[in-house]
Amino acid sequence: MMEERKWVALQFMVVLVMVSFMPKGSKGFSLCNMDEKGLEDCKPSVTEPNPVDPSSECCKALAGADLKCLCSYKNSTELPFLGIDPTLASSLPAKCNLTPPDNC
């Protein structure tokens, strides 16, 4: 089980690194039913040192996302190295008036 979590976290980290280097306007991938634009729209809300409230675009993208899938990354040790605060990320559904999955 721990080995599987490490593998999932590593995959997520690779995707995030790829996102940061992809040209703007590229729509070549999605993560948990969120495309690159949706992830970028939410990035200011999950990064330190000055996170902002999620934009309407972020909330719209999050509303179409697979929240259970996104929750699977909440304990990732790699996210902080990418500037993503897992606590901030897990608070997004509530801030967007969405019901998060159980145990998320």
PDB file of N, CA and C in Angstrom:
ATOM      1  N   MET A   1       0.835  -1.185   0.000  1.00  0.00           N
ATOM      2  CA  MET A   1       0.000   0.000   0.000  1.00  0.00           C
ATOM      3  C   MET A   1       0.879   1.249   0.000  1.00  0.00           C
ATOM      4  N   MET A   2       1.895   1.288   0.863  1.00  0.00           N
ATOM      5  CA  MET A   2       2.783   2.449   0.930  1.00  0.00           C
ATOM      6  C   MET A   2       3.537   2.602  -0.385  1.00  0.00           C
ATOM      7  N   GLU A   3       3.938   1.488  -0.969  1.00  0.00           N
ATOM      8  CA  GLU A   3       4.644   1.520  -2.242  1.00  0.00           C
ATOM      9  C   GLU A   3       3.756   2.133  -3.325  1.00  0.00           C
ATOM     10  N   GLU A   4       2.476   1.781  -3.322  1.00  0.00           N
ATOM     11  CA  GLU A   4       1.531   2.321  -4.305  1.00  0.00           C
ATOM     12  C   GLU A   4       1.364   3.825  -4.117  1.00  0.00           C
ATOM     13  N   ARG A   5       1.272   4.284  -2.883  1.00  0.00           N
ATOM     14  CA  ARG A   5       1.138   5.725  -2.612  1.00  0.00           C
ATOM     15  C   ARG A   5       2.366   6.488  -3.095  1.00  0.00           C
ATOM     16  N   LYS A   6       3.535   5.925  -2.869  1.00  0.00           N
ATOM     17  CA  LYS A   6       4.753   6.581  -3.330  1.00  0.00           C
ATOM     18  C   LYS A   6       4.752   6.687  -4.850  1.00  0.00           C
ATOM     19  N   TRP A   7       4.301   5.645  -5.522  1.00  0.00           N
ATOM     20  CA  TRP A   7       4.257   5.648  -6.978  1.00  0.00           C
ATOM     21  C   TRP A   7       3.262   6.701  -7.472  1.00  0.00           C
ATOM     22  N   VAL A   8       2.088   6.778  -6.858  1.00  0.00           N
ATOM     23  CA  VAL A   8       1.080   7.770  -7.251  1.00  0.00           C
ATOM     24  C   VAL A   8       1.621   9.176  -7.017  1.00  0.00           C
ATOM     25  N   ALA A   9       2.271   9.396  -5.891  1.00  0.00           N
ATOM     26  CA  ALA A   9       2.830  10.711  -5.583  1.00  0.00           C
ATOM     27  C   ALA A   9       3.905  11.093  -6.592  1.00  0.00           C
ATOM     28  N   LEU A  10       4.727  10.139  -6.961  1.00  0.00           N
ATOM     29  CA  LEU A  10       5.767  10.391  -7.950  1.00  0.00           C
ATOM     30  C   LEU A  10       5.146  10.757  -9.295  1.00  0.00           C
ATOM     31  N   GLN A  11       4.104  10.039  -9.690  1.00  0.00           N
ATOM     32  CA  GLN A  11       3.429  10.348 -10.951  1.00  0.00           C
ATOM     33  C   GLN A  11       2.853  11.757 -10.917  1.00  0.00           C
ATOM     34  N   PHE A  12       2.228  12.130  -9.822  1.00  0.00           N
ATOM     35  CA  PHE A  12       1.650  13.455  -9.682  1.00  0.00           C
ATOM     36  C   PHE A  12       2.737  14.519  -9.792  1.00  0.00           C
ATOM     37  N   MET A  13       3.864  14.284  -9.133  1.00  0.00           N
ATOM     38  CA  MET A  13       4.958  15.237  -9.172  1.00  0.00           C
ATOM     39  C   MET A  13       5.461  15.419 -10.601  1.00  0.00           C
ATOM     40  N   VAL A  14       5.588  14.330 -11.329  1.00  0.00           N
ATOM     41  CA  VAL A  14       6.042  14.409 -12.716  1.00  0.00           C
ATOM     42  C   VAL A  14       5.056  15.224 -13.551  1.00  0.00           C
ATOM     43  N   VAL A  15       3.763  14.993 -13.351  1.00  0.00           N
ATOM     44  CA  VAL A  15       2.749  15.736 -14.099  1.00  0.00           C
ATOM     45  C   VAL A  15       2.840  17.221 -13.774  1.00  0.00           C
ATOM     46  N   LEU A  16       2.985  17.564 -12.503  1.00  0.00           N
ATOM     47  CA  LEU A  16       3.076  18.976 -12.126  1.00  0.00           C
ATOM     48  C   LEU A  16       4.306  19.644 -12.719  1.00  0.00           C
ATOM     49  N   VAL A  17       5.415  18.940 -12.731  1.00  0.00           N
ATOM     50  CA  VAL A  17       6.626  19.496 -13.332  1.00  0.00           C
ATOM     51  C   VAL A  17       6.402  19.699 -14.826  1.00  0.00           C
ATOM     52  N   MET A  18       5.760  18.736 -15.475  1.00  0.00           N
ATOM     53  CA  MET A  18       5.475  18.867 -16.900  1.00  0.00           C
ATOM     54  C   MET A  18       4.574  20.067 -17.161  1.00  0.00           C
ATOM     55  N   VAL A  19       3.586  20.269 -16.301  1.00  0.00           N
ATOM     56  CA  VAL A  19       2.676  21.399 -16.453  1.00  0.00           C
ATOM     57  C   VAL A  19       3.438  22.709 -16.408  1.00  0.00           C
ATOM     58  N   SER A  20       4.369  22.808 -15.496  1.00  0.00           N
ATOM     59  CA  SER A  20       5.082  24.069 -15.332  1.00  0.00           C
ATOM     60  C   SER A  20       5.951  24.403 -16.541  1.00  0.00           C
ATOM     61  N   PHE A  21       6.301  23.408 -17.354  1.00  0.00           N
ATOM     62  CA  PHE A  21       7.135  23.658 -18.517  1.00  0.00           C
ATOM     63  C   PHE A  21       6.374  23.642 -19.834  1.00  0.00           C
ATOM     64  N   MET A  22       5.081  23.367 -19.793  1.00  0.00           N
ATOM     65  CA  MET A  22       4.303  23.338 -21.025  1.00  0.00           C
ATOM     66  C   MET A  22       3.958  24.754 -21.454  1.00  0.00           C
ATOM     67  N   PRO A  23       3.945  25.003 -22.753  1.00  0.00           N
ATOM     68  CA  PRO A  23       3.575  26.341 -23.221  1.00  0.00           C
ATOM     69  C   PRO A  23       2.129  26.664 -22.872  1.00  0.00           C
ATOM     70  N   LYS A  24       1.862  27.935 -22.647  1.00  0.00           N
ATOM     71  CA  LYS A  24       0.504  28.371 -22.353  1.00  0.00           C
ATOM     72  C   LYS A  24      -0.397  28.004 -23.529  1.00  0.00           C
ATOM     73  N   GLY A  25      -1.621  27.644 -23.213  1.00  0.00           N
ATOM     74  CA  GLY A  25      -2.581  27.303 -24.254  1.00  0.00           C
ATOM     75  C   GLY A  25      -2.560  25.845 -24.642  1.00  0.00           C
ATOM     76  N   SER A  26      -1.583  25.090 -24.155  1.00  0.00           N
ATOM     77  CA  SER A  26      -1.536  23.670 -24.457  1.00  0.00           C
ATOM     78  C   SER A  26      -2.617  22.953 -23.660  1.00  0.00           C
ATOM     79  N   LYS A  27      -3.338  22.079 -24.294  1.00  0.00           N
ATOM     80  CA  LYS A  27      -4.417  21.353 -23.630  1.00  0.00           C
ATOM     81  C   LYS A  27      -4.146  19.852 -23.697  1.00  0.00           C
ATOM     82  N   GLY A  28      -2.876  19.471 -23.584  1.00  0.00           N
ATOM     83  CA  GLY A  28      -2.494  18.110 -23.848  1.00  0.00           C
ATOM     84  C   GLY A  28      -2.697  17.089 -22.745  1.00  0.00           C
ATOM     85  N   PHE A  29      -3.143  17.450 -21.569  1.00  0.00           N
ATOM     86  CA  PHE A  29      -3.276  16.455 -20.521  1.00  0.00           C
ATOM     87  C   PHE A  29      -4.363  16.868 -19.548  1.00  0.00           C
ATOM     88  N   SER A  30      -4.714  15.924 -18.694  1.00  0.00           N
ATOM     89  CA  SER A  30      -5.616  16.227 -17.597  1.00  0.00           C
ATOM     90  C   SER A  30      -5.196  15.391 -16.398  1.00  0.00           C
ATOM     91  N   LEU A  31      -5.569  15.857 -15.227  1.00  0.00           N
ATOM     92  CA  LEU A  31      -5.283  15.150 -13.988  1.00  0.00           C
ATOM     93  C   LEU A  31      -6.573  15.141 -13.197  1.00  0.00           C
ATOM     94  N   CYS A  32      -7.089  13.957 -12.924  1.00  0.00           N
ATOM     95  CA  CYS A  32      -8.324  13.823 -12.146  1.00  0.00           C
ATOM     96  C   CYS A  32      -9.464  14.636 -12.782  1.00  0.00           C
ATOM     97  N   ASN A  33      -9.534  14.611 -14.081  1.00  0.00           N
ATOM     98  CA  ASN A  33     -10.538  15.332 -14.881  1.00  0.00           C
ATOM     99  C   ASN A  33     -10.364  16.843 -14.845  1.00  0.00           C
ATOM    100  N   MET A  34      -9.199  17.327 -14.487  1.00  0.00           N
ATOM    101  CA  MET A  34      -8.886  18.757 -14.576  1.00  0.00           C
ATOM    102  C   MET A  34      -7.822  18.924 -15.645  1.00  0.00           C
ATOM    103  N   ASP A  35      -8.088  19.807 -16.614  1.00  0.00           N
ATOM    104  CA  ASP A  35      -7.080  20.039 -17.636  1.00  0.00           C
ATOM    105  C   ASP A  35      -6.057  21.053 -17.141  1.00  0.00           C
ATOM    106  N   GLU A  36      -5.095  21.335 -17.983  1.00  0.00           N
ATOM    107  CA  GLU A  36      -4.010  22.233 -17.608  1.00  0.00           C
ATOM    108  C   GLU A  36      -4.541  23.602 -17.178  1.00  0.00           C
ATOM    109  N   LYS A  37      -5.514  24.121 -17.888  1.00  0.00           N
ATOM    110  CA  LYS A  37      -6.059  25.432 -17.551  1.00  0.00           C
ATOM    111  C   LYS A  37      -6.689  25.417 -16.152  1.00  0.00           C
ATOM    112  N   GLY A  38      -7.453  24.378 -15.848  1.00  0.00           N
ATOM    113  CA  GLY A  38      -8.063  24.268 -14.530  1.00  0.00           C
ATOM    114  C   GLY A  38      -7.022  24.204 -13.420  1.00  0.00           C
ATOM    115  N   LEU A  39      -5.963  23.439 -13.649  1.00  0.00           N
ATOM    116  CA  LEU A  39      -4.888  23.351 -12.656  1.00  0.00           C
ATOM    117  C   LEU A  39      -4.205  24.701 -12.474  1.00  0.00           C
ATOM    118  N   GLU A  40      -3.952  25.380 -13.578  1.00  0.00           N
ATOM    119  CA  GLU A  40      -3.326  26.701 -13.505  1.00  0.00           C
ATOM    120  C   GLU A  40      -4.240  27.709 -12.807  1.00  0.00           C
ATOM    121  N   ASP A  41      -5.551  27.615 -13.065  1.00  0.00           N
ATOM    122  CA  ASP A  41      -6.500  28.522 -12.421  1.00  0.00           C
ATOM    123  C   ASP A  41      -6.503  28.355 -10.904  1.00  0.00           C
ATOM    124  N   CYS A  42      -6.246  27.139 -10.445  1.00  0.00           N
ATOM    125  CA  CYS A  42      -6.268  26.863  -9.003  1.00  0.00           C
ATOM    126  C   CYS A  42      -4.909  27.050  -8.327  1.00  0.00           C
ATOM    127  N   LYS A  43      -3.860  27.108  -9.091  1.00  0.00           N
ATOM    128  CA  LYS A  43      -2.512  27.173  -8.522  1.00  0.00           C
ATOM    129  C   LYS A  43      -2.327  28.322  -7.527  1.00  0.00           C
ATOM    130  N   PRO A  44      -2.820  29.548  -7.791  1.00  0.00           N
ATOM    131  CA  PRO A  44      -2.613  30.626  -6.813  1.00  0.00           C
ATOM    132  C   PRO A  44      -3.284  30.364  -5.455  1.00  0.00           C
ATOM    133  N   SER A  45      -4.236  29.465  -5.427  1.00  0.00           N
ATOM    134  CA  SER A  45      -4.950  29.178  -4.183  1.00  0.00           C
ATOM    135  C   SER A  45      -4.278  28.104  -3.345  1.00  0.00           C
ATOM    136  N   VAL A  46      -3.313  27.410  -3.910  1.00  0.00           N
ATOM    137  CA  VAL A  46      -2.683  26.302  -3.191  1.00  0.00           C
ATOM    138  C   VAL A  46      -1.180  26.480  -3.014  1.00  0.00           C
ATOM    139  N   THR A  47      -0.685  27.660  -3.363  1.00  0.00           N
ATOM    140  CA  THR A  47       0.753  27.902  -3.238  1.00  0.00           C
ATOM    141  C   THR A  47       1.030  28.972  -2.198  1.00  0.00           C
ATOM    142  N   GLU A  48       2.082  28.746  -1.456  1.00  0.00           N
ATOM    143  CA  GLU A  48       2.553  29.704  -0.459  1.00  0.00           C
ATOM    144  C   GLU A  48       3.516  30.659  -1.151  1.00  0.00           C
ATOM    145  N   PRO A  49       3.800  31.806  -0.632  1.00  0.00           N
ATOM    146  CA  PRO A  49       3.497  32.254   0.713  1.00  0.00           C
ATOM    147  C   PRO A  49       2.185  33.040   0.818  1.00  0.00           C
ATOM    148  N   ASN A  50       1.581  33.422  -0.280  1.00  0.00           N
ATOM    149  CA  ASN A  50       0.394  34.269  -0.231  1.00  0.00           C
ATOM    150  C   ASN A  50      -0.752  33.670  -1.031  1.00  0.00           C
ATOM    151  N   PRO A  51      -1.360  32.589  -0.538  1.00  0.00           N
ATOM    152  CA  PRO A  51      -2.468  31.989  -1.297  1.00  0.00           C
ATOM    153  C   PRO A  51      -3.663  32.939  -1.342  1.00  0.00           C
ATOM    154  N   VAL A  52      -4.409  32.839  -2.434  1.00  0.00           N
ATOM    155  CA  VAL A  52      -5.608  33.665  -2.608  1.00  0.00           C
ATOM    156  C   VAL A  52      -6.831  32.762  -2.604  1.00  0.00           C
ATOM    157  N   ASP A  53      -8.003  33.365  -2.422  1.00  0.00           N
ATOM    158  CA  ASP A  53      -9.234  32.593  -2.521  1.00  0.00           C
ATOM    159  C   ASP A  53      -9.358  32.070  -3.948  1.00  0.00           C
ATOM    160  N   PRO A  54      -9.946  30.883  -4.115  1.00  0.00           N
ATOM    161  CA  PRO A  54     -10.072  30.329  -5.462  1.00  0.00           C
ATOM    162  C   PRO A  54     -10.951  31.218  -6.349  1.00  0.00           C
ATOM    163  N   SER A  55     -10.532  31.353  -7.587  1.00  0.00           N
ATOM    164  CA  SER A  55     -11.293  32.130  -8.562  1.00  0.00           C
ATOM    165  C   SER A  55     -12.511  31.335  -9.014  1.00  0.00           C
ATOM    166  N   SER A  56     -13.432  32.007  -9.679  1.00  0.00           N
ATOM    167  CA  SER A  56     -14.601  31.299 -10.205  1.00  0.00           C
ATOM    168  C   SER A  56     -14.171  30.266 -11.241  1.00  0.00           C
ATOM    169  N   GLU A  57     -13.107  30.561 -11.990  1.00  0.00           N
ATOM    170  CA  GLU A  57     -12.589  29.605 -12.977  1.00  0.00           C
ATOM    171  C   GLU A  57     -12.047  28.357 -12.291  1.00  0.00           C
ATOM    172  N   CYS A  58     -11.346  28.557 -11.165  1.00  0.00           N
ATOM    173  CA  CYS A  58     -10.830  27.424 -10.401  1.00  0.00           C
ATOM    174  C   CYS A  58     -11.989  26.574  -9.896  1.00  0.00           C
ATOM    175  N   CYS A  59     -12.988  27.219  -9.306  1.00  0.00           N
ATOM    176  CA  CYS A  59     -14.129  26.479  -8.759  1.00  0.00           C
ATOM    177  C   CYS A  59     -14.885  25.733  -9.849  1.00  0.00           C
ATOM    178  N   LYS A  60     -14.995  26.326 -11.020  1.00  0.00           N
ATOM    179  CA  LYS A  60     -15.663  25.653 -12.143  1.00  0.00           C
ATOM    180  C   LYS A  60     -14.882  24.406 -12.549  1.00  0.00           C
ATOM    181  N   ALA A  61     -13.562  24.538 -12.623  1.00  0.00           N
ATOM    182  CA  ALA A  61     -12.727  23.386 -12.967  1.00  0.00           C
ATOM    183  C   ALA A  61     -12.818  22.310 -11.889  1.00  0.00           C
ATOM    184  N   LEU A  62     -12.824  22.733 -10.646  1.00  0.00           N
ATOM    185  CA  LEU A  62     -12.895  21.798  -9.529  1.00  0.00           C
ATOM    186  C   LEU A  62     -14.246  21.079  -9.490  1.00  0.00           C
ATOM    187  N   ALA A  63     -15.297  21.776  -9.887  1.00  0.00           N
ATOM    188  CA  ALA A  63     -16.635  21.173  -9.904  1.00  0.00           C
ATOM    189  C   ALA A  63     -16.708  20.009 -10.886  1.00  0.00           C
ATOM    190  N   GLY A  64     -15.904  20.044 -11.931  1.00  0.00           N
ATOM    191  CA  GLY A  64     -15.893  18.962 -12.906  1.00  0.00           C
ATOM    192  C   GLY A  64     -14.818  17.920 -12.649  1.00  0.00           C
ATOM    193  N   ALA A  65     -14.046  18.117 -11.585  1.00  0.00           N
ATOM    194  CA  ALA A  65     -12.925  17.219 -11.289  1.00  0.00           C
ATOM    195  C   ALA A  65     -13.391  15.988 -10.514  1.00  0.00           C
ATOM    196  N   ASP A  66     -12.574  14.971 -10.561  1.00  0.00           N
ATOM    197  CA  ASP A  66     -12.783  13.773  -9.753  1.00  0.00           C
ATOM    198  C   ASP A  66     -12.150  14.055  -8.388  1.00  0.00           C
ATOM    199  N   LEU A  67     -12.975  14.480  -7.436  1.00  0.00           N
ATOM    200  CA  LEU A  67     -12.448  14.893  -6.129  1.00  0.00           C
ATOM    201  C   LEU A  67     -11.803  13.745  -5.363  1.00  0.00           C
ATOM    202  N   LYS A  68     -12.311  12.534  -5.521  1.00  0.00           N
ATOM    203  CA  LYS A  68     -11.669  11.390  -4.855  1.00  0.00           C
ATOM    204  C   LYS A  68     -10.250  11.205  -5.374  1.00  0.00           C
ATOM    205  N   CYS A  69     -10.102  11.372  -6.673  1.00  0.00           N
ATOM    206  CA  CYS A  69      -8.776  11.260  -7.281  1.00  0.00           C
ATOM    207  C   CYS A  69      -7.849  12.339  -6.728  1.00  0.00           C
ATOM    208  N   LEU A  70      -8.326  13.571  -6.697  1.00  0.00           N
ATOM    209  CA  LEU A  70      -7.502  14.663  -6.164  1.00  0.00           C
ATOM    210  C   LEU A  70      -7.147  14.431  -4.705  1.00  0.00           C
ATOM    211  N   CYS A  71      -8.080  13.899  -3.931  1.00  0.00           N
ATOM    212  CA  CYS A  71      -7.818  13.640  -2.516  1.00  0.00           C
ATOM    213  C   CYS A  71      -6.722  12.596  -2.320  1.00  0.00           C
ATOM    214  N   SER A  72      -6.528  11.751  -3.295  1.00  0.00           N
ATOM    215  CA  SER A  72      -5.501  10.720  -3.156  1.00  0.00           C
ATOM    216  C   SER A  72      -4.103  11.326  -3.065  1.00  0.00           C
ATOM    217  N   TYR A  73      -3.968  12.598  -3.408  1.00  0.00           N
ATOM    218  CA  TYR A  73      -2.672  13.265  -3.351  1.00  0.00           C
ATOM    219  C   TYR A  73      -2.465  14.060  -2.067  1.00  0.00           C
ATOM    220  N   LYS A  74      -3.445  14.074  -1.174  1.00  0.00           N
ATOM    221  CA  LYS A  74      -3.379  14.965  -0.015  1.00  0.00           C
ATOM    222  C   LYS A  74      -2.213  14.673   0.924  1.00  0.00           C
ATOM    223  N   ASN A  75      -1.734  13.460   0.971  1.00  0.00           N
ATOM    224  CA  ASN A  75      -0.618  13.119   1.857  1.00  0.00           C
ATOM    225  C   ASN A  75       0.711  13.033   1.122  1.00  0.00           C
ATOM    226  N   SER A  76       0.752  13.575  -0.066  1.00  0.00           N
ATOM    227  CA  SER A  76       1.971  13.527  -0.856  1.00  0.00           C
ATOM    228  C   SER A  76       3.065  14.365  -0.207  1.00  0.00           C
ATOM    229  N   THR A  77       4.221  13.768  -0.037  1.00  0.00           N
ATOM    230  CA  THR A  77       5.346  14.510   0.532  1.00  0.00           C
ATOM    231  C   THR A  77       6.038  15.368  -0.521  1.00  0.00           C
ATOM    232  N   GLU A  78       5.735  15.140  -1.791  1.00  0.00           N
ATOM    233  CA  GLU A  78       6.377  15.892  -2.859  1.00  0.00           C
ATOM    234  C   GLU A  78       5.714  17.238  -3.122  1.00  0.00           C
ATOM    235  N   LEU A  79       4.434  17.359  -2.802  1.00  0.00           N
ATOM    236  CA  LEU A  79       3.720  18.600  -3.109  1.00  0.00           C
ATOM    237  C   LEU A  79       4.375  19.837  -2.509  1.00  0.00           C
ATOM    238  N   PRO A  80       4.796  19.805  -1.246  1.00  0.00           N
ATOM    239  CA  PRO A  80       5.449  21.003  -0.694  1.00  0.00           C
ATOM    240  C   PRO A  80       6.713  21.404  -1.460  1.00  0.00           C
ATOM    241  N   PHE A  81       7.424  20.443  -2.015  1.00  0.00           N
ATOM    242  CA  PHE A  81       8.620  20.765  -2.793  1.00  0.00           C
ATOM    243  C   PHE A  81       8.267  21.505  -4.075  1.00  0.00           C
ATOM    244  N   LEU A  82       7.026  21.370  -4.520  1.00  0.00           N
ATOM    245  CA  LEU A  82       6.559  22.051  -5.723  1.00  0.00           C
ATOM    246  C   LEU A  82       5.836  23.353  -5.388  1.00  0.00           C
ATOM    247  N   GLY A  83       5.850  23.708  -4.115  1.00  0.00           N
ATOM    248  CA  GLY A  83       5.198  24.939  -3.694  1.00  0.00           C
ATOM    249  C   GLY A  83       3.719  24.784  -3.431  1.00  0.00           C
ATOM    250  N   ILE A  84       3.215  23.565  -3.455  1.00  0.00           N
ATOM    251  CA  ILE A  84       1.792  23.318  -3.233  1.00  0.00           C
ATOM    252  C   ILE A  84       1.592  22.896  -1.787  1.00  0.00           C
ATOM    253  N   ASP A  85       0.735  23.596  -1.106  1.00  0.00           N
ATOM    254  CA  ASP A  85       0.417  23.275   0.273  1.00  0.00           C
ATOM    255  C   ASP A  85      -0.754  22.291   0.284  1.00  0.00           C
ATOM    256  N   PRO A  86      -0.531  21.046   0.715  1.00  0.00           N
ATOM    257  CA  PRO A  86      -1.610  20.053   0.708  1.00  0.00           C
ATOM    258  C   PRO A  86      -2.826  20.473   1.533  1.00  0.00           C
ATOM    259  N   THR A  87      -2.610  21.207   2.622  1.00  0.00           N
ATOM    260  CA  THR A  87      -3.731  21.667   3.440  1.00  0.00           C
ATOM    261  C   THR A  87      -4.580  22.664   2.661  1.00  0.00           C
ATOM    262  N   LEU A  88      -3.921  23.589   1.977  1.00  0.00           N
ATOM    263  CA  LEU A  88      -4.653  24.544   1.144  1.00  0.00           C
ATOM    264  C   LEU A  88      -5.398  23.825   0.026  1.00  0.00           C
ATOM    265  N   ALA A  89      -4.735  22.854  -0.585  1.00  0.00           N
ATOM    266  CA  ALA A  89      -5.369  22.114  -1.681  1.00  0.00           C
ATOM    267  C   ALA A  89      -6.603  21.367  -1.188  1.00  0.00           C
ATOM    268  N   SER A  90      -6.518  20.766  -0.012  1.00  0.00           N
ATOM    269  CA  SER A  90      -7.661  19.996   0.479  1.00  0.00           C
ATOM    270  C   SER A  90      -8.811  20.898   0.941  1.00  0.00           C
ATOM    271  N   SER A  91      -8.535  22.186   1.130  1.00  0.00           N
ATOM    272  CA  SER A  91      -9.594  23.105   1.537  1.00  0.00           C
ATOM    273  C   SER A  91     -10.342  23.715   0.346  1.00  0.00           C
ATOM    274  N   LEU A  92      -9.842  23.511  -0.860  1.00  0.00           N
ATOM    275  CA  LEU A  92     -10.476  24.113  -2.036  1.00  0.00           C
ATOM    276  C   LEU A  92     -11.938  23.715  -2.246  1.00  0.00           C
ATOM    277  N   PRO A  93     -12.291  22.432  -2.141  1.00  0.00           N
ATOM    278  CA  PRO A  93     -13.705  22.098  -2.376  1.00  0.00           C
ATOM    279  C   PRO A  93     -14.658  22.893  -1.486  1.00  0.00           C
ATOM    280  N   ALA A  94     -14.362  22.995  -0.210  1.00  0.00           N
ATOM    281  CA  ALA A  94     -15.242  23.741   0.700  1.00  0.00           C
ATOM    282  C   ALA A  94     -15.296  25.217   0.314  1.00  0.00           C
ATOM    283  N   LYS A  95     -14.160  25.783  -0.075  1.00  0.00           N
ATOM    284  CA  LYS A  95     -14.119  27.188  -0.478  1.00  0.00           C
ATOM    285  C   LYS A  95     -14.913  27.429  -1.759  1.00  0.00           C
ATOM    286  N   CYS A  96     -15.089  26.373  -2.548  1.00  0.00           N
ATOM    287  CA  CYS A  96     -15.860  26.462  -3.793  1.00  0.00           C
ATOM    288  C   CYS A  96     -17.293  25.955  -3.598  1.00  0.00           C
ATOM    289  N   ASN A  97     -17.694  25.783  -2.340  1.00  0.00           N
ATOM    290  CA  ASN A  97     -19.037  25.287  -2.013  1.00  0.00           C
ATOM    291  C   ASN A  97     -19.317  23.917  -2.629  1.00  0.00           C
ATOM    292  N   LEU A  98     -18.299  23.078  -2.641  1.00  0.00           N
ATOM    293  CA  LEU A  98     -18.435  21.690  -3.095  1.00  0.00           C
ATOM    294  C   LEU A  98     -18.277  20.779  -1.895  1.00  0.00           C
ATOM    295  N   THR A  99     -18.928  19.652  -1.925  1.00  0.00           N
ATOM    296  CA  THR A  99     -18.806  18.692  -0.838  1.00  0.00           C
ATOM    297  C   THR A  99     -17.628  17.763  -1.118  1.00  0.00           C
ATOM    298  N   PRO A 100     -16.608  17.817  -0.275  1.00  0.00           N
ATOM    299  CA  PRO A 100     -15.470  16.922  -0.494  1.00  0.00           C
ATOM    300  C   PRO A 100     -15.855  15.485  -0.162  1.00  0.00           C
ATOM    301  N   PRO A 101     -15.169  14.533  -0.762  1.00  0.00           N
ATOM    302  CA  PRO A 101     -15.430  13.127  -0.436  1.00  0.00           C
ATOM    303  C   PRO A 101     -15.089  12.844   1.027  1.00  0.00           C
ATOM    304  N   ASP A 102     -15.659  11.786   1.550  1.00  0.00           N
ATOM    305  CA  ASP A 102     -15.334  11.374   2.912  1.00  0.00           C
ATOM    306  C   ASP A 102     -13.842  11.120   3.023  1.00  0.00           C
ATOM    307  N   ASN A 103     -13.304  11.385   4.202  1.00  0.00           N
ATOM    308  CA  ASN A 103     -11.885  11.167   4.507  1.00  0.00           C
ATOM    309  C   ASN A 103     -10.951  11.966   3.626  1.00  0.00           C
ATOM    310  N   CYS A 104     -11.375  13.124   3.225  1.00  0.00           N
ATOM    311  CA  CYS A 104     -10.517  13.945   2.387  1.00  0.00           C
ATOM    312  C   CYS A 104     -10.141  15.216   3.120  1.00  0.00           C
TER     313      CYS A 104
END
